[in-house]
Amino acid sequence: MTSLTSWAAKITGFSTVVFLIVNCTFTTKRQKLPQFRFGIDTVGHSIDSFVACQHININGVENSTAGKVESELEVDIINGVNIPKDDPHKKALGRMIASRVKSDLRADRQWTGFIFKSDELSE
């Protein structure tokens, strides 16, 4: 009877391993450089018209999960001044900045999402 119990445990363990391998999906993330119609300084100055800040980082990321590829553009405002604290106004500012950056891109359809991050200057 012991051999039957150990045999059942081995089958259960094997099926668990097979189940985990079959249901596993891989996600890869890599940097993707955005191509602008103008220089990056021009894009930065156009964002400055919405919010004053010390520095702006614009980074592209390409995520691939189970064969589906999504490209996101991340705009990071560093030491921004007068960034809205409340969520609706902050989202509205993010949409305006995303719209401006999108209009400055050479191929805007290759980007599926925009992420807006801000870090307000402490007084």
N, C-alpha and C. Protein backbone atom coordinates (compact mmCIF):
# COMPACT_ATOMS: atom_id res chain seq x y z
N MET A 1 0.81 -1.19 0.00
CA MET A 1 0.00 0.00 0.00
C MET A 1 0.86 1.26 0.00
N THR A 2 2.04 1.18 0.61
CA THR A 2 2.94 2.32 0.66
C THR A 2 3.41 2.70 -0.73
N SER A 3 3.71 1.72 -1.55
CA SER A 3 4.18 2.02 -2.90
C SER A 3 3.08 2.69 -3.72
N LEU A 4 1.83 2.32 -3.49
CA LEU A 4 0.71 2.94 -4.20
C LEU A 4 0.56 4.40 -3.76
N THR A 5 0.73 4.68 -2.48
CA THR A 5 0.64 6.05 -1.97
C THR A 5 1.78 6.90 -2.52
N SER A 6 3.00 6.38 -2.52
CA SER A 6 4.12 7.15 -3.04
C SER A 6 4.00 7.34 -4.55
N TRP A 7 3.46 6.34 -5.24
CA TRP A 7 3.24 6.47 -6.68
C TRP A 7 2.21 7.57 -6.96
N ALA A 8 1.13 7.65 -6.18
CA ALA A 8 0.11 8.68 -6.34
C ALA A 8 0.70 10.06 -6.04
N ALA A 9 1.55 10.15 -5.03
CA ALA A 9 2.19 11.42 -4.69
C ALA A 9 3.10 11.89 -5.83
N LYS A 10 3.83 10.94 -6.45
CA LYS A 10 4.71 11.29 -7.57
C LYS A 10 3.91 11.80 -8.76
N ILE A 11 2.79 11.16 -9.04
CA ILE A 11 1.94 11.60 -10.16
C ILE A 11 1.37 12.98 -9.87
N THR A 12 0.90 13.21 -8.65
CA THR A 12 0.36 14.51 -8.28
C THR A 12 1.44 15.58 -8.40
N GLY A 13 2.63 15.28 -7.90
CA GLY A 13 3.74 16.22 -8.01
C GLY A 13 4.11 16.49 -9.45
N PHE A 14 4.15 15.48 -10.29
CA PHE A 14 4.46 15.65 -11.70
C PHE A 14 3.41 16.50 -12.40
N SER A 15 2.12 16.25 -12.11
CA SER A 15 1.07 17.02 -12.76
C SER A 15 1.10 18.47 -12.31
N THR A 16 1.52 18.73 -11.07
CA THR A 16 1.64 20.10 -10.61
C THR A 16 2.76 20.82 -11.35
N VAL A 17 3.88 20.16 -11.55
CA VAL A 17 4.99 20.75 -12.28
C VAL A 17 4.60 21.02 -13.72
N VAL A 18 3.94 20.09 -14.36
CA VAL A 18 3.50 20.28 -15.74
C VAL A 18 2.51 21.43 -15.82
N PHE A 19 1.61 21.51 -14.87
CA PHE A 19 0.63 22.59 -14.85
C PHE A 19 1.31 23.94 -14.73
N LEU A 20 2.30 24.06 -13.88
CA LEU A 20 3.00 25.32 -13.71
C LEU A 20 3.78 25.71 -14.96
N ILE A 21 4.38 24.77 -15.63
CA ILE A 21 5.14 25.07 -16.84
C ILE A 21 4.22 25.48 -17.98
N VAL A 22 3.10 24.84 -18.12
CA VAL A 22 2.18 25.13 -19.22
C VAL A 22 1.53 26.49 -19.04
N ASN A 23 1.21 26.88 -17.80
CA ASN A 23 0.52 28.14 -17.56
C ASN A 23 1.45 29.32 -17.34
N CYS A 24 2.71 29.16 -17.53
CA CYS A 24 3.67 30.23 -17.30
C CYS A 24 3.74 31.12 -18.54
N THR A 25 3.67 32.44 -18.34
CA THR A 25 3.86 33.38 -19.44
C THR A 25 5.09 34.22 -19.13
N PHE A 26 5.79 34.60 -20.16
CA PHE A 26 7.00 35.38 -20.00
C PHE A 26 6.73 36.82 -20.42
N THR A 27 7.23 37.74 -19.62
CA THR A 27 7.12 39.15 -19.93
C THR A 27 8.52 39.70 -20.10
N THR A 28 8.74 40.36 -21.22
CA THR A 28 10.02 41.02 -21.43
C THR A 28 9.80 42.51 -21.51
N LYS A 29 10.76 43.25 -21.01
CA LYS A 29 10.67 44.70 -20.99
C LYS A 29 11.99 45.24 -21.51
N ARG A 30 11.91 46.11 -22.49
CA ARG A 30 13.15 46.69 -23.01
C ARG A 30 12.93 48.16 -23.34
N GLN A 31 14.03 48.89 -23.35
CA GLN A 31 13.97 50.31 -23.63
C GLN A 31 13.71 50.53 -25.12
N LYS A 32 12.89 51.52 -25.40
CA LYS A 32 12.58 51.87 -26.79
C LYS A 32 12.70 53.40 -26.89
N LEU A 33 13.59 53.85 -27.73
CA LEU A 33 13.83 55.28 -27.83
C LEU A 33 12.77 55.95 -28.70
N PRO A 34 12.13 56.99 -28.17
CA PRO A 34 11.15 57.72 -28.99
C PRO A 34 11.87 58.59 -30.03
N GLN A 35 11.28 58.68 -31.20
CA GLN A 35 11.81 59.51 -32.27
C GLN A 35 10.91 60.74 -32.40
N PHE A 36 11.49 61.92 -32.16
CA PHE A 36 10.71 63.15 -32.23
C PHE A 36 10.97 63.87 -33.55
N ARG A 37 10.00 64.67 -33.97
CA ARG A 37 10.16 65.47 -35.18
C ARG A 37 11.14 66.61 -34.97
N PHE A 38 11.23 67.03 -33.71
CA PHE A 38 12.13 68.14 -33.36
C PHE A 38 13.14 67.59 -32.35
N GLY A 39 14.07 68.42 -31.94
CA GLY A 39 15.04 68.01 -30.93
C GLY A 39 14.35 67.83 -29.58
N ILE A 40 14.96 67.06 -28.70
CA ILE A 40 14.40 66.80 -27.39
C ILE A 40 14.28 68.09 -26.58
N ASP A 41 15.16 69.07 -26.82
CA ASP A 41 15.08 70.34 -26.11
C ASP A 41 13.81 71.09 -26.48
N THR A 42 13.41 71.02 -27.74
CA THR A 42 12.18 71.66 -28.18
C THR A 42 10.97 71.02 -27.51
N VAL A 43 10.99 69.70 -27.39
CA VAL A 43 9.90 68.99 -26.72
C VAL A 43 9.86 69.39 -25.25
N GLY A 44 11.02 69.49 -24.62
CA GLY A 44 11.08 69.91 -23.22
C GLY A 44 10.54 71.31 -23.02
N HIS A 45 10.86 72.22 -23.93
CA HIS A 45 10.34 73.59 -23.82
C HIS A 45 8.83 73.63 -24.01
N SER A 46 8.30 72.78 -24.87
CA SER A 46 6.85 72.76 -25.05
C SER A 46 6.14 72.23 -23.80
N ILE A 47 6.77 71.29 -23.09
CA ILE A 47 6.20 70.80 -21.82
C ILE A 47 6.32 71.87 -20.75
N ASP A 48 7.39 72.67 -20.80
CA ASP A 48 7.58 73.76 -19.84
C ASP A 48 6.45 74.78 -19.91
N SER A 49 5.76 74.85 -21.03
CA SER A 49 4.63 75.78 -21.13
C SER A 49 3.46 75.33 -20.25
N PHE A 50 3.43 74.03 -19.85
CA PHE A 50 2.38 73.52 -18.98
C PHE A 50 2.78 73.53 -17.52
N VAL A 51 4.04 73.20 -17.25
CA VAL A 51 4.51 73.08 -15.87
C VAL A 51 5.99 73.44 -15.82
N ALA A 52 6.34 74.29 -14.85
CA ALA A 52 7.74 74.64 -14.66
C ALA A 52 8.41 73.54 -13.85
N CYS A 53 9.60 73.15 -14.28
CA CYS A 53 10.30 72.08 -13.56
C CYS A 53 11.79 72.20 -13.80
N GLN A 54 12.54 71.46 -12.99
CA GLN A 54 13.99 71.46 -13.10
C GLN A 54 14.46 70.62 -14.28
N HIS A 55 13.80 69.46 -14.48
CA HIS A 55 14.24 68.55 -15.54
C HIS A 55 13.07 67.68 -15.99
N ILE A 56 13.12 67.23 -17.23
CA ILE A 56 12.10 66.33 -17.78
C ILE A 56 12.80 65.12 -18.38
N ASN A 57 12.35 63.93 -18.00
CA ASN A 57 12.85 62.69 -18.60
C ASN A 57 11.73 62.10 -19.45
N ILE A 58 12.04 61.71 -20.67
CA ILE A 58 11.09 61.04 -21.54
C ILE A 58 11.72 59.72 -21.96
N ASN A 59 11.11 58.62 -21.51
CA ASN A 59 11.65 57.29 -21.78
C ASN A 59 10.58 56.41 -22.42
N GLY A 60 10.99 55.59 -23.35
CA GLY A 60 10.09 54.63 -23.96
C GLY A 60 10.40 53.23 -23.47
N VAL A 61 9.34 52.43 -23.25
CA VAL A 61 9.48 51.06 -22.80
C VAL A 61 8.58 50.18 -23.66
N GLU A 62 9.11 49.05 -24.10
CA GLU A 62 8.32 48.09 -24.86
C GLU A 62 8.14 46.83 -24.01
N ASN A 63 6.88 46.50 -23.70
CA ASN A 63 6.54 45.31 -22.92
C ASN A 63 5.97 44.27 -23.85
N SER A 64 6.47 43.04 -23.73
CA SER A 64 5.98 41.93 -24.54
C SER A 64 5.54 40.81 -23.61
N THR A 65 4.25 40.46 -23.67
CA THR A 65 3.70 39.38 -22.86
C THR A 65 2.90 38.45 -23.75
N ALA A 66 3.30 37.20 -23.80
CA ALA A 66 2.61 36.17 -24.58
C ALA A 66 2.40 36.61 -26.03
N GLY A 67 3.40 37.23 -26.61
CA GLY A 67 3.32 37.63 -28.01
C GLY A 67 2.65 38.97 -28.25
N LYS A 68 2.05 39.56 -27.23
CA LYS A 68 1.39 40.86 -27.37
C LYS A 68 2.38 41.95 -26.95
N VAL A 69 2.64 42.90 -27.86
CA VAL A 69 3.63 43.94 -27.62
C VAL A 69 2.91 45.27 -27.40
N GLU A 70 3.28 45.95 -26.30
CA GLU A 70 2.74 47.27 -26.01
C GLU A 70 3.90 48.21 -25.75
N SER A 71 3.83 49.40 -26.31
CA SER A 71 4.87 50.40 -26.11
C SER A 71 4.30 51.56 -25.31
N GLU A 72 4.99 51.93 -24.25
CA GLU A 72 4.55 53.03 -23.39
C GLU A 72 5.63 54.09 -23.36
N LEU A 73 5.18 55.32 -23.32
CA LEU A 73 6.07 56.45 -23.22
C LEU A 73 5.88 57.05 -21.83
N GLU A 74 6.97 57.17 -21.09
CA GLU A 74 6.91 57.68 -19.73
C GLU A 74 7.50 59.08 -19.69
N VAL A 75 6.71 60.03 -19.19
CA VAL A 75 7.17 61.40 -19.03
C VAL A 75 7.31 61.66 -17.54
N ASP A 76 8.52 61.94 -17.11
CA ASP A 76 8.82 62.13 -15.69
C ASP A 76 9.20 63.58 -15.47
N ILE A 77 8.39 64.30 -14.69
CA ILE A 77 8.65 65.70 -14.35
C ILE A 77 9.42 65.72 -13.03
N ILE A 78 10.62 66.26 -13.04
CA ILE A 78 11.46 66.27 -11.85
C ILE A 78 11.51 67.68 -11.27
N ASN A 79 11.21 67.75 -9.98
CA ASN A 79 11.14 69.02 -9.24
C ASN A 79 10.21 70.02 -9.90
N GLY A 80 9.00 69.57 -10.19
CA GLY A 80 7.98 70.43 -10.77
C GLY A 80 7.46 71.43 -9.75
N VAL A 81 7.01 72.56 -10.24
CA VAL A 81 6.45 73.60 -9.39
C VAL A 81 4.97 73.71 -9.67
N ASN A 82 4.16 73.78 -8.61
CA ASN A 82 2.70 73.92 -8.69
C ASN A 82 2.04 72.75 -9.42
N ILE A 83 2.49 71.55 -9.18
CA ILE A 83 1.83 70.35 -9.71
C ILE A 83 0.56 70.15 -8.88
N PRO A 84 -0.59 69.97 -9.50
CA PRO A 84 -1.83 69.79 -8.73
C PRO A 84 -1.75 68.57 -7.81
N LYS A 85 -2.28 68.72 -6.61
CA LYS A 85 -2.27 67.62 -5.64
C LYS A 85 -3.46 66.69 -5.86
N ASP A 86 -4.59 67.25 -6.27
CA ASP A 86 -5.79 66.41 -6.41
C ASP A 86 -5.75 65.64 -7.72
N ASP A 87 -6.27 64.43 -7.67
CA ASP A 87 -6.17 63.49 -8.78
C ASP A 87 -6.78 63.99 -10.10
N PRO A 88 -7.99 64.56 -10.09
CA PRO A 88 -8.57 64.99 -11.39
C PRO A 88 -7.72 66.05 -12.10
N HIS A 89 -7.20 67.02 -11.35
CA HIS A 89 -6.38 68.06 -11.98
C HIS A 89 -5.02 67.52 -12.42
N LYS A 90 -4.48 66.58 -11.64
CA LYS A 90 -3.20 65.97 -12.01
C LYS A 90 -3.37 65.13 -13.28
N LYS A 91 -4.49 64.40 -13.39
CA LYS A 91 -4.76 63.62 -14.61
C LYS A 91 -4.94 64.54 -15.81
N ALA A 92 -5.62 65.66 -15.61
CA ALA A 92 -5.82 66.61 -16.71
C ALA A 92 -4.48 67.16 -17.19
N LEU A 93 -3.59 67.49 -16.26
CA LEU A 93 -2.25 67.96 -16.62
C LEU A 93 -1.49 66.87 -17.38
N GLY A 94 -1.59 65.64 -16.89
CA GLY A 94 -0.93 64.52 -17.57
C GLY A 94 -1.45 64.32 -18.98
N ARG A 95 -2.76 64.48 -19.19
CA ARG A 95 -3.34 64.34 -20.53
C ARG A 95 -2.84 65.45 -21.47
N MET A 96 -2.75 66.68 -20.94
CA MET A 96 -2.26 67.79 -21.77
C MET A 96 -0.81 67.56 -22.18
N ILE A 97 0.01 67.10 -21.24
CA ILE A 97 1.41 66.83 -21.54
C ILE A 97 1.54 65.67 -22.53
N ALA A 98 0.76 64.62 -22.32
CA ALA A 98 0.78 63.46 -23.24
C ALA A 98 0.37 63.88 -24.64
N SER A 99 -0.64 64.72 -24.73
CA SER A 99 -1.10 65.19 -26.04
C SER A 99 0.00 65.99 -26.75
N ARG A 100 0.68 66.83 -25.99
CA ARG A 100 1.76 67.65 -26.58
C ARG A 100 2.92 66.75 -27.04
N VAL A 101 3.32 65.81 -26.18
CA VAL A 101 4.43 64.92 -26.53
C VAL A 101 4.04 64.06 -27.73
N LYS A 102 2.81 63.58 -27.74
CA LYS A 102 2.34 62.74 -28.85
C LYS A 102 2.38 63.51 -30.17
N SER A 103 2.02 64.79 -30.13
CA SER A 103 2.04 65.58 -31.37
C SER A 103 3.46 65.85 -31.85
N ASP A 104 4.44 65.77 -30.95
CA ASP A 104 5.83 65.99 -31.34
C ASP A 104 6.54 64.71 -31.80
N LEU A 105 5.89 63.55 -31.63
CA LEU A 105 6.50 62.29 -32.04
C LEU A 105 6.48 62.12 -33.56
N ARG A 106 7.47 61.45 -34.08
CA ARG A 106 7.53 61.16 -35.51
C ARG A 106 6.47 60.13 -35.90
N ALA A 107 6.34 59.08 -35.09
CA ALA A 107 5.36 58.02 -35.35
C ALA A 107 4.58 57.79 -34.07
N ASP A 108 3.49 58.53 -33.90
CA ASP A 108 2.75 58.47 -32.63
C ASP A 108 1.91 57.20 -32.48
N ARG A 109 1.64 56.50 -33.56
CA ARG A 109 0.80 55.29 -33.46
C ARG A 109 1.54 54.09 -32.88
N GLN A 110 2.86 54.17 -32.80
CA GLN A 110 3.60 53.05 -32.24
C GLN A 110 3.54 53.01 -30.72
N TRP A 111 3.02 54.06 -30.09
CA TRP A 111 2.93 54.13 -28.63
C TRP A 111 1.51 53.86 -28.19
N THR A 112 1.33 52.85 -27.33
CA THR A 112 -0.01 52.47 -26.90
C THR A 112 -0.41 53.12 -25.58
N GLY A 113 0.52 53.67 -24.85
CA GLY A 113 0.19 54.28 -23.57
C GLY A 113 1.17 55.35 -23.17
N PHE A 114 0.70 56.27 -22.34
CA PHE A 114 1.53 57.34 -21.81
C PHE A 114 1.43 57.32 -20.29
N ILE A 115 2.57 57.42 -19.62
CA ILE A 115 2.62 57.44 -18.16
C ILE A 115 3.19 58.78 -17.74
N PHE A 116 2.48 59.47 -16.84
CA PHE A 116 2.91 60.76 -16.35
C PHE A 116 3.31 60.60 -14.88
N LYS A 117 4.56 60.97 -14.57
CA LYS A 117 5.04 60.95 -13.19
C LYS A 117 5.53 62.33 -12.84
N SER A 118 5.31 62.72 -11.58
CA SER A 118 5.79 64.03 -11.17
C SER A 118 6.40 63.93 -9.78
N ASP A 119 7.36 64.77 -9.57
CA ASP A 119 8.05 64.87 -8.30
C ASP A 119 8.15 66.36 -7.99
N GLU A 120 7.28 66.84 -7.09
CA GLU A 120 7.21 68.29 -6.84
C GLU A 120 8.38 68.76 -6.00
N LEU A 121 8.83 69.96 -6.30
CA LEU A 121 9.92 70.59 -5.58
C LEU A 121 9.46 70.91 -4.18
N SER A 122 10.23 70.47 -3.18
CA SER A 122 9.86 70.78 -1.80
C SER A 122 10.34 72.17 -1.45
N GLU A 123 9.52 72.86 -0.70
CA GLU A 123 9.83 74.27 -0.38
C GLU A 123 10.55 74.40 0.91
